[in-house]
Every structure is written in structure tokens, then in C-alpha cells.
Protein backbone atom coordinates (compact mmCIF):
# COMPACT_ATOMS: atom_id res chain seq x y z
CA MET A 1 116.48 228.29 73.32
CA ASN A 2 118.44 225.18 72.39
CA LYS A 3 116.73 221.87 73.12
CA PRO A 4 118.36 220.07 76.10
CA LEU A 5 120.50 217.07 75.13
CA THR A 6 119.10 213.75 75.93
CA LEU A 7 121.11 210.99 77.63
CA SER A 8 120.82 207.18 77.65
CA ILE A 9 122.60 204.92 80.13
CA ILE A 10 123.57 201.51 78.77
CA ILE A 11 124.38 198.62 81.22
CA PRO A 12 125.66 195.30 79.73
CA VAL A 13 124.62 192.48 82.15
CA TYR A 14 125.59 188.87 82.52
CA ASN A 15 124.59 187.26 85.87
CA GLU A 16 124.78 190.43 87.90
CA SER A 17 122.05 189.84 90.45
CA ASP A 18 124.42 190.62 93.31
CA HIS A 19 125.12 194.13 92.04
CA LEU A 20 122.44 195.37 89.66
CA LYS A 21 119.89 196.55 92.17
CA GLY A 22 122.41 198.82 93.77
CA CYS A 23 123.45 200.23 90.41
CA LEU A 24 119.81 200.95 89.38
CA ASP A 25 119.04 202.47 92.78
CA SER A 26 121.88 204.92 92.27
CA ILE A 27 120.44 205.85 88.88
CA ALA A 28 117.04 206.47 90.43
CA LYS A 29 118.65 208.93 92.85
CA GLN A 30 120.35 211.12 90.20
CA SER A 31 119.88 214.85 90.62
CA VAL A 32 119.18 214.95 86.85
CA LYS A 33 117.40 211.79 85.60
CA PRO A 34 118.61 210.11 82.34
CA ASP A 35 116.13 210.00 79.46
CA GLU A 36 116.64 206.25 79.02
CA VAL A 37 118.21 203.36 80.85
CA ILE A 38 118.92 200.21 78.85
CA VAL A 39 119.91 196.91 80.53
CA VAL A 40 121.32 194.56 77.97
CA ASP A 41 120.87 190.94 79.10
CA ASN A 42 123.72 188.90 77.76
CA ASN A 43 122.22 185.37 78.38
CA SER A 44 121.96 185.72 82.22
CA THR A 45 120.91 182.60 84.11
CA ASP A 46 120.27 184.35 87.47
CA ASP A 47 117.71 186.93 88.54
CA SER A 48 119.39 189.84 86.69
CA VAL A 49 116.49 190.34 84.30
CA LYS A 50 113.85 190.03 87.02
CA ILE A 51 115.67 192.69 89.10
CA ALA A 52 115.97 195.01 86.08
CA LYS A 53 112.28 194.75 85.35
CA GLU A 54 111.41 195.85 88.86
CA PHE A 55 112.55 199.42 87.89
CA LYS A 56 109.90 201.07 85.73
CA PHE A 57 112.41 203.39 84.09
CA VAL A 58 114.52 200.45 82.73
CA LYS A 59 114.24 199.03 79.25
CA VAL A 60 115.53 195.42 79.02
CA ILE A 61 116.85 194.10 75.70
CA HIS A 62 118.52 190.82 74.92
CA GLU A 63 121.84 190.14 73.15
CA SER A 64 122.37 186.48 72.43
CA THR A 65 126.02 186.63 71.20
CA GLN A 66 128.09 186.24 74.33
CA GLY A 67 130.55 188.99 75.14
CA ILE A 68 130.53 192.44 76.60
CA VAL A 69 131.36 194.07 73.30
CA TYR A 70 128.30 192.57 71.68
CA ALA A 71 126.07 193.61 74.70
CA ARG A 72 127.48 197.13 74.61
CA ASN A 73 126.94 197.48 70.87
CA ALA A 74 123.35 196.24 71.15
CA GLY A 75 122.71 198.88 73.79
CA PHE A 76 124.39 201.67 71.86
CA ASN A 77 122.43 200.72 68.70
CA THR A 78 119.15 200.70 70.55
CA ALA A 79 119.65 203.93 72.46
CA LYS A 80 117.83 207.01 71.08
CA SER A 81 119.48 209.85 72.98
CA ASP A 82 122.10 212.37 71.92
CA ILE A 83 124.57 211.11 74.47
CA LEU A 84 125.32 207.41 75.14
CA ALA A 85 126.59 206.82 78.70
CA ARG A 86 127.99 203.38 79.55
CA ILE A 87 128.48 201.92 83.02
CA ASP A 88 128.91 198.45 84.53
CA SER A 89 126.29 196.72 86.63
CA ASP A 90 128.45 197.17 89.76
CA SER A 91 128.80 200.92 89.18
CA ARG A 92 127.31 203.15 91.87
CA LEU A 93 126.74 206.58 90.38
CA PRO A 94 127.59 209.85 92.26
CA LEU A 95 124.41 211.87 92.59
CA ASP A 96 125.47 214.34 89.96
CA TRP A 97 126.92 211.91 87.43
CA VAL A 98 124.31 212.45 84.72
CA ALA A 99 124.33 216.22 85.37
CA ARG A 100 128.12 216.36 84.93
CA ILE A 101 128.01 214.57 81.62
CA GLN A 102 125.17 216.82 80.30
CA ASP A 103 127.03 219.95 81.40
CA PHE A 104 130.17 218.75 79.56
CA TYR A 105 128.26 218.13 76.32
CA LYS A 106 126.52 221.45 76.40
CA ASP A 107 129.57 222.81 74.66
CA PRO A 108 128.96 222.13 70.91
CA LEU A 109 132.66 221.47 70.43
CA HIS A 110 132.54 218.71 73.09
CA LEU A 111 129.48 217.18 71.47
CA LYS A 112 131.15 217.14 68.13
CA ASN A 113 134.69 216.10 68.97
CA TYR A 114 134.94 214.56 72.41
CA ALA A 115 134.36 211.37 74.45
CA TRP A 116 134.22 211.51 78.25
CA THR A 117 135.38 209.27 81.01
CA SER A 118 136.02 209.62 84.77
CA ASP A 119 137.81 208.50 87.88
CA THR A 120 136.60 205.42 89.75
CA TYR A 121 136.55 204.70 93.48
CA TRP A 122 136.83 201.12 94.83
CA TYR A 123 134.24 200.55 97.46
CA ASN A 124 135.16 197.00 98.44
CA VAL A 125 138.77 197.46 99.50
CA SER A 126 140.31 198.37 102.83
CA HIS A 127 141.89 201.66 101.84
CA PRO A 128 139.79 202.90 98.89
CA VAL A 129 141.39 206.33 98.50
CA ALA A 130 144.93 204.96 98.25
CA TYR A 131 144.07 202.02 96.06
CA SER A 132 141.82 204.06 93.78
CA TRP A 133 144.59 206.64 93.32
CA PHE A 134 146.96 203.75 92.36
CA SER A 135 144.45 202.46 89.88
CA SER A 136 143.96 205.84 88.25
CA GLN A 137 147.68 206.09 87.68
CA ILE A 138 147.77 202.76 85.87
CA VAL A 139 144.40 202.91 84.02
CA PHE A 140 144.56 206.55 82.87
CA ARG A 141 148.02 208.11 83.16
CA PHE A 142 150.15 205.07 82.26
CA ASN A 143 147.79 204.27 79.34
CA ARG A 144 148.00 207.82 78.21
CA PHE A 145 151.80 207.46 78.05
CA ILE A 146 151.40 204.27 75.98
CA LEU A 147 148.59 205.51 73.67
CA GLY A 148 149.25 209.16 73.48
CA HIS A 149 145.69 209.81 74.76
CA TYR A 150 143.46 208.88 77.67
CA PRO A 151 141.46 205.64 77.40
CA LEU A 152 137.80 205.31 78.11
CA MET A 153 136.80 203.21 81.14
CA GLY A 154 133.74 201.10 80.64
CA SER A 155 132.40 201.64 84.19
CA SER A 156 132.07 205.37 83.60
CA MET A 157 132.11 206.81 80.11
CA ALA A 158 130.02 208.70 77.56
CA ILE A 159 130.14 209.41 73.86
CA SER A 160 127.82 211.20 71.52
CA LYS A 161 125.40 209.17 69.41
CA ALA A 162 126.94 210.84 66.33
CA SER A 163 130.45 209.59 67.21
CA TRP A 164 129.06 206.10 67.80
CA LEU A 165 127.51 206.04 64.35
CA LYS A 166 130.91 206.87 62.85
CA VAL A 167 132.88 204.28 64.87
CA LYS A 168 130.41 201.39 65.21
CA ASN A 169 131.56 199.57 62.17
CA LYS A 170 135.25 199.91 63.05
CA VAL A 171 135.28 198.48 66.60
CA CYS A 172 136.74 195.02 66.99
CA LEU A 173 134.24 192.26 67.62
CA ARG A 174 136.49 190.16 69.85
CA ASN A 175 136.29 188.78 73.36
CA ASP A 176 140.02 188.57 73.82
CA ILE A 177 140.64 192.28 74.11
CA HIS A 178 139.38 195.19 76.32
CA GLU A 179 136.37 196.54 74.50
CA ASP A 180 136.53 199.97 76.18
CA LEU A 181 140.19 200.37 75.34
CA ASP A 182 139.52 199.23 71.78
CA LEU A 183 136.71 201.82 71.43
CA SER A 184 139.10 204.47 72.78
CA ILE A 185 141.69 203.71 70.12
CA HIS A 186 139.25 203.70 67.23
CA LEU A 187 137.69 206.99 68.38
CA HIS A 188 141.06 208.65 68.64
CA ARG A 189 142.02 207.43 65.23
CA LEU A 190 138.89 209.08 63.90
CA GLY A 191 139.99 212.40 65.37
CA TYR A 192 138.04 212.36 68.63
CA GLN A 193 139.61 213.50 71.90
CA ILE A 194 139.01 211.85 75.21
CA THR A 195 138.52 213.94 78.35
CA TYR A 196 139.40 212.31 81.64
CA ALA A 197 137.32 213.99 84.42
CA THR A 198 138.95 213.75 87.87
CA GLY A 199 137.00 214.05 91.11
CA VAL A 200 133.90 212.31 89.79
CA ASN A 201 134.71 209.05 91.48
CA MET A 202 132.31 206.47 90.14
CA ASN A 203 132.05 203.77 92.77
CA ILE A 204 132.91 200.30 91.50
CA TYR A 205 133.37 196.84 92.96
CA ILE A 206 136.71 195.25 92.25
CA ARG A 207 135.63 191.68 91.67
CA ARG A 208 138.65 190.29 89.88
CA ILE A 209 140.93 191.23 92.69
CA TYR A 210 138.63 190.21 95.56
CA ASN A 211 136.24 187.49 94.30
CA ASP A 212 137.82 186.25 91.05
CA TYR A 213 141.53 186.47 91.81
CA SER A 214 142.29 183.18 89.96
CA LYS A 215 141.04 184.93 86.75
CA LEU A 216 142.95 188.17 87.29
CA TRP A 217 146.06 187.24 85.23
CA SER A 218 144.08 186.20 82.11
CA TYR A 219 142.07 189.43 82.42
CA LEU A 220 145.17 191.55 82.71
CA MET A 221 146.64 189.95 79.67
CA LEU A 222 143.79 191.42 77.62
CA TRP A 223 145.63 194.75 78.08
CA PRO A 224 148.75 194.05 76.05
CA GLN A 225 146.76 191.93 73.64
CA THR A 226 144.53 194.97 72.85
CA LEU A 227 147.63 197.05 72.14
CA LYS A 228 149.04 194.38 69.92
CA VAL A 229 145.84 194.04 67.90
CA HIS A 230 146.13 197.73 67.12
CA ASP A 231 149.86 197.48 66.20
CA LEU A 232 150.93 199.87 68.91
CA LYS A 233 154.71 199.78 69.29
CA ARG A 234 154.54 200.25 73.08
CA TRP A 235 152.38 197.21 73.61
CA TYR A 236 155.05 195.65 75.90
CA LEU A 237 154.44 198.48 78.40
CA GLY A 238 150.95 197.03 78.83
CA GLN A 239 152.57 193.75 79.69
CA ILE A 240 154.84 195.51 82.23
CA GLY A 241 151.82 197.32 83.71
CA ALA A 242 149.89 194.05 83.99
CA ILE A 243 152.74 192.42 85.90
CA LEU A 244 152.96 195.42 88.23
CA VAL A 245 149.23 195.26 88.97
CA TYR A 246 149.25 191.45 89.41
CA SER A 247 152.25 191.50 91.75
CA SER A 248 150.73 194.16 93.96
CA THR A 249 147.32 192.48 94.50
CA PRO A 250 148.09 189.68 96.99
CA LEU A 251 148.60 192.14 99.78
CA LEU A 252 145.43 193.99 98.87
CA VAL A 253 143.39 190.77 98.73
CA ALA A 254 144.73 189.56 102.09
CA GLU A 255 144.36 192.95 103.80
CA THR A 256 140.82 193.45 102.52
CA ARG A 257 139.71 189.95 103.57
CA ILE A 258 141.13 190.36 107.04
CA ILE A 259 139.38 193.69 107.51
CA SER A 260 136.14 192.40 106.05
CA ALA A 261 136.14 189.38 108.37
CA PHE A 262 136.95 191.55 111.39
CA SER A 263 134.09 193.91 110.50
CA LYS A 264 131.59 191.05 110.19
CA LYS A 265 132.68 189.56 113.50
CA LYS A 266 132.34 192.94 115.27
CA PHE A 267 128.91 193.44 113.70
CA ASN A 268 127.72 190.00 114.70
CA ASN A 269 128.92 190.54 118.27
């Protein structure tokens, strides 16, 4: 019998004490447990490291160079498993998330030639189904039109260790681009295909729309910038997509805050 594939989960962390416990709790509840969980502390000044160390299955490492790409790379380089799964600290994993990835990579062709990513589900908005559907159209299908392939989403993705070893020296070490989109482009140019799994619905917290709206525009501008860095002729479509997202968010922010305030008032009464 073939030896089961091992899987490591890598979580880049910078001041994530509000979200990290919920993320790690959801890992602890997985129907199939990961072989390794690595929290990469990227100079946190809050209780993130303390929280991570409360979970016996977590390995904490430190990356001093600031930036999610550096934290991600440190985690990927440290991980020992056949499959490297990457999430964010606000990700809440469906119970079968690890099992789904392992099932996908049981196919030798997938292990050799594919990266994996999945749908996400916004758990801090008023109408999560509708808004999550809208997000998937922009993040995955619109980007597929621009790129010619699906992108990886950092909050729910996996690649083989072998593919990482081939791409690690090619990824861009920059903080002014989307590191997950950059990784996607480099993997595709090496001949890897990216599978977009629908119906998985990784739960994520949309902080830049709800808590950090003032930073949303600069964050969205990383999208066309990433496309420009890779000399993609359709980079301007990323600019159009960013404008579309930015212009649609005021209603979402206002509606979500009103409903959140109403819910708190009802609960307190």
C-alpha cells in the first residue's frame, strides 16, 4: 500500500490575537488532522504567539523580515510534509478541509502537476451568501479571464512540497504586490495547473471592508500592480476590477454595521 501523504498547514501571523484562537480551534476539529501546523510570527506585538503556544499541535517559528511573503516562505521552507496548505489567521476551516485536500492529492497526476484553492465564505457580513458569491466572481472568474488560469487565494490553498521547491527561488520578494497572486503566476509559468474547488467555503473575516476600510483602496491597488510586475497585457482589467469592488463596498459596510449594531442591542436587551 502507498504511504499516506502528509500535510502541513502554514499560517503567517502579524498581530492576530483577535482571530488566531478561532482559526486554531477549527484546525483542532478537523475530521482528518494535519501532520503539522506552523504559525509564522512576523514580529507580532500582541498576544498572537502566546495564543499559538496554547495549542500543543502548533509549532511557532519567527520571521523577522516584515511582510506576508517572507512569513509564508519561512513557513513553506520549514514544513516537512508532502503537501503545504496555507491559510490566514482569520480562516475558519470546514470540518473536512484537510480531508478534501488529501483526497485531491491522492491522484499522482495532481500531486505532480496541480495546485489547489477553494471558495471562501464571508462570516462578518450581513448577507454572506450573496456577497461571497460576488467575491468569487471577482477573485476567481474575473482573474481567470485576465490571467488565463485560476489564481490561488492565500486564505485557502495548497501546493505540493515538490512544486514549492521548484518555484521558491522565482517568487517575487515584494510587499507591494499580492503574494498569492504572484505565486499563482509563477506556478502557472512553470507548467502547473490550478484547481479551483467550489463548495468548500473556507470561512474568512473581511477586515479591510469592515474594520480597515480606509486601507481598502491601497490594498486593491496591489491587484493591478501585481499584473504589471508580470508584464500581463490585461493588467488594466485588474484596475477596473478594483474600482468595481471599491465602489460597491460603502453599501456593504453601512448595511453590515447597522445589522451588527441591531443584533448587539437585541442581545443586550
